[in-house]
């Protein structure tokens, strides 16, 4: 293949009246070169999309953490009452973690529905078959649960550490 490229390049240089290959006004690419370029572009796009997805997940996680912190503040008296009648820190922490995971689970379900709809729309408009694997669905739910646990941990710990007397006085 290299010999064929060299012969084609030599012939084109001669026909274009170009003395030096550095001044060529053309390029000769093999199918392998084009496949490598295509793979490189695909890899770059994959990294770009993964970066955008990662940033989106972090922003979503921060939103969930803020919502859970607001929930803890709004339910301070309830938390104080539960602690006063014997609820342990672990019970309260698990309750708020479960709520955070449920929020992200609902977000995961909505994301899968919207993603499936987008894949179907791509298939309709471009004729390109888009396959959604079971692994990607399981991964989406796993990531959603991980975000719920990761970003719900701090609000859950804050709720669990509330002093019941101070919490009952809170208005």
Protein backbone atom coordinates (compact mmCIF):
# COMPACT_ATOMS: atom_id res chain seq x y z
CA UNK A 1 0.00 0.00 0.00
CA UNK A 2 2.85 2.37 0.81
CA UNK A 3 4.40 1.73 -2.60
CA UNK A 4 1.10 2.49 -4.35
CA UNK A 5 0.77 5.76 -2.40
CA UNK A 6 4.32 6.71 -3.35
CA UNK A 7 3.69 5.98 -7.03
CA UNK A 8 0.41 7.93 -7.05
CA UNK A 9 2.06 10.86 -5.27
CA UNK A 10 4.95 10.84 -7.76
CA UNK A 11 2.57 10.76 -10.73
CA UNK A 12 0.44 13.60 -9.36
CA UNK A 13 3.52 15.72 -8.60
CA UNK A 14 4.66 15.20 -12.16
CA UNK A 15 1.24 16.05 -13.68
CA UNK A 16 0.82 19.14 -11.48
CA UNK A 17 4.34 20.30 -12.38
CA UNK A 18 5.38 20.41 -8.70
CA UNK A 19 9.08 20.00 -7.98
CA UNK A 20 9.00 19.44 -4.20
CA UNK A 21 6.55 17.11 -2.38
CA UNK A 22 6.26 19.74 0.39
CA UNK A 23 4.59 22.11 -2.09
CA UNK A 24 1.97 19.56 -3.18
CA UNK A 25 -1.56 20.89 -3.58
CA UNK A 26 -3.06 17.46 -2.92
CA UNK A 27 -2.88 14.61 -0.46
CA UNK A 28 -3.06 10.88 -1.00
CA UNK A 29 -4.86 8.90 1.68
CA UNK A 30 -5.52 5.21 1.90
CA UNK A 31 -8.71 3.74 3.28
CA UNK A 32 -6.75 2.81 6.40
CA UNK A 33 -5.71 6.45 6.87
CA UNK A 34 -9.32 7.57 6.52
CA UNK A 35 -10.52 4.94 9.00
CA UNK A 36 -7.87 6.03 11.50
CA UNK A 37 -8.92 9.67 11.10
CA UNK A 38 -12.56 8.69 11.53
CA UNK A 39 -11.75 6.67 14.66
CA UNK A 40 -9.78 9.59 16.07
CA UNK A 41 -12.73 11.95 15.52
CA UNK A 42 -15.10 9.44 17.13
CA UNK A 43 -12.79 9.11 20.15
CA UNK A 44 -12.59 12.89 20.50
CA UNK A 45 -16.38 13.21 20.32
CA UNK A 46 -16.77 10.43 22.90
CA UNK A 47 -14.45 12.26 25.30
CA UNK A 48 -16.30 15.54 24.67
CA UNK A 49 -19.71 13.99 25.28
CA UNK A 50 -18.47 12.16 28.38
CA UNK A 51 -17.11 15.45 29.73
CA UNK A 52 -20.41 17.21 29.11
CA UNK A 53 -22.28 14.33 30.75
CA UNK A 54 -19.94 14.42 33.75
CA UNK A 55 -20.43 18.15 34.22
CA UNK A 56 -24.19 17.70 33.89
CA UNK A 57 -24.16 14.96 36.52
CA UNK A 58 -22.19 17.13 38.94
CA UNK A 59 -24.54 20.08 38.40
CA UNK A 60 -27.54 17.79 38.89
CA UNK A 61 -25.98 16.34 42.03
CA UNK A 62 -25.40 19.80 43.46
CA UNK A 63 -29.05 20.61 42.70
CA UNK A 64 -30.15 17.50 44.59
CA UNK A 65 -27.89 18.37 47.51
CA UNK A 66 -29.37 21.88 47.67
CA UNK A 67 -32.90 20.49 47.51
CA UNK A 68 -32.13 18.01 50.28
CA UNK A 69 -30.57 20.76 52.43
CA UNK A 70 -33.76 22.78 51.98
CA UNK A 71 -35.80 19.72 52.93
CA UNK A 72 -33.73 19.25 56.10
CA UNK A 73 -34.26 22.91 57.02
CA UNK A 74 -38.01 22.74 56.36
CA UNK A 75 -38.38 19.52 58.35
CA UNK A 76 -36.19 20.46 61.30
CA UNK A 77 -39.07 20.19 63.79
CA UNK A 78 -40.08 16.80 62.40
CA UNK A 79 -36.50 15.57 62.75
CA UNK A 80 -36.36 16.91 66.32
CA UNK A 81 -39.63 15.16 67.18
CA UNK A 82 -38.43 11.86 65.70
CA UNK A 83 -35.19 12.09 67.67
CA UNK A 84 -37.07 13.03 70.85
CA UNK A 85 -39.22 9.89 70.62
CA UNK A 86 -36.22 7.64 70.04
CA UNK A 87 -35.15 7.70 66.40
CA UNK A 88 -31.44 7.01 66.03
CA UNK A 89 -29.06 9.06 63.91
CA UNK A 90 -28.80 6.15 61.48
CA UNK A 91 -32.60 6.04 61.04
CA UNK A 92 -32.78 9.72 60.15
CA UNK A 93 -29.71 9.56 57.94
CA UNK A 94 -31.08 6.56 56.03
CA UNK A 95 -34.44 8.29 55.57
CA UNK A 96 -32.84 11.31 53.91
CA UNK A 97 -30.48 9.15 51.86
CA UNK A 98 -33.46 7.10 50.65
CA UNK A 99 -35.26 10.30 49.65
CA UNK A 100 -32.21 11.51 47.72
CA UNK A 101 -31.87 8.15 45.95
CA UNK A 102 -35.58 8.20 45.05
CA UNK A 103 -35.20 11.69 43.57
CA UNK A 104 -32.30 10.57 41.41
CA UNK A 105 -34.13 7.34 40.52
CA UNK A 106 -37.07 9.36 39.18
CA UNK A 107 -34.57 11.54 37.31
CA UNK A 108 -32.95 8.39 35.91
CA UNK A 109 -36.30 7.05 34.70
CA UNK A 110 -37.11 10.38 33.04
CA UNK A 111 -33.64 10.48 31.48
CA UNK A 112 -34.03 6.98 30.05
CA UNK A 113 -37.46 7.85 28.64
CA UNK A 114 -36.15 11.07 27.07
CA UNK A 115 -33.02 9.33 25.78
CA UNK A 116 -35.08 6.54 24.23
CA UNK A 117 -37.33 9.13 22.61
CA UNK A 118 -34.30 10.97 21.23
CA UNK A 119 -32.84 7.72 19.89
CA UNK A 120 -36.17 6.93 18.21
CA UNK A 121 -36.30 10.43 16.70
CA UNK A 122 -32.75 10.02 15.36
CA UNK A 123 -33.77 6.71 13.83
CA UNK A 124 -36.84 8.29 12.19
CA UNK A 125 -35.08 11.34 10.77
CA UNK A 126 -31.74 9.86 9.74
CA UNK A 127 -32.61 6.24 9.10
CA UNK A 128 -29.68 5.26 11.31
CA UNK A 129 -30.44 2.39 13.65
CA UNK A 130 -29.76 3.36 17.27
CA UNK A 131 -29.48 0.54 19.77
CA UNK A 132 -30.03 1.11 23.48
CA UNK A 133 -28.35 -1.66 25.40
CA UNK A 134 -29.54 -3.11 28.68
CA UNK A 135 -26.09 -2.35 30.08
CA UNK A 136 -26.52 1.38 29.40
CA UNK A 137 -29.89 1.37 31.19
CA UNK A 138 -28.44 -0.45 34.20
CA UNK A 139 -25.45 1.91 34.17
CA UNK A 140 -27.80 4.93 34.11
CA UNK A 141 -29.66 3.66 37.18
CA UNK A 142 -26.40 2.84 38.94
CA UNK A 143 -24.99 6.30 38.28
CA UNK A 144 -28.28 7.89 39.40
CA UNK A 145 -28.20 5.91 42.65
CA UNK A 146 -24.53 6.80 43.17
CA UNK A 147 -25.27 10.49 42.68
CA UNK A 148 -28.19 10.25 45.11
CA UNK A 149 -26.01 8.64 47.74
CA UNK A 150 -22.98 10.84 47.07
CA UNK A 151 -24.78 14.17 47.04
CA UNK A 152 -27.41 13.18 49.59
CA UNK A 153 -24.87 12.09 52.21
CA UNK A 154 -24.04 15.54 53.59
CA UNK A 155 -27.68 16.67 54.03
CA UNK A 156 -28.50 13.28 55.57
CA UNK A 157 -25.64 13.64 58.05
CA UNK A 158 -26.69 17.20 58.86
CA UNK A 159 -30.22 15.99 59.58
CA UNK A 160 -28.95 13.11 61.71
CA UNK A 161 -26.72 15.41 63.80
CA UNK A 162 -29.47 17.88 64.70
CA UNK A 163 -29.91 18.42 68.42
CA UNK A 164 -33.52 17.38 69.20
CA UNK A 165 -34.05 20.21 71.69
CA UNK A 166 -32.79 22.86 69.26
CA UNK A 167 -34.75 21.25 66.42
CA UNK A 168 -38.02 21.34 68.38
CA UNK A 169 -37.46 25.05 69.14
CA UNK A 170 -36.83 25.83 65.46
CA UNK A 171 -39.50 27.86 63.67
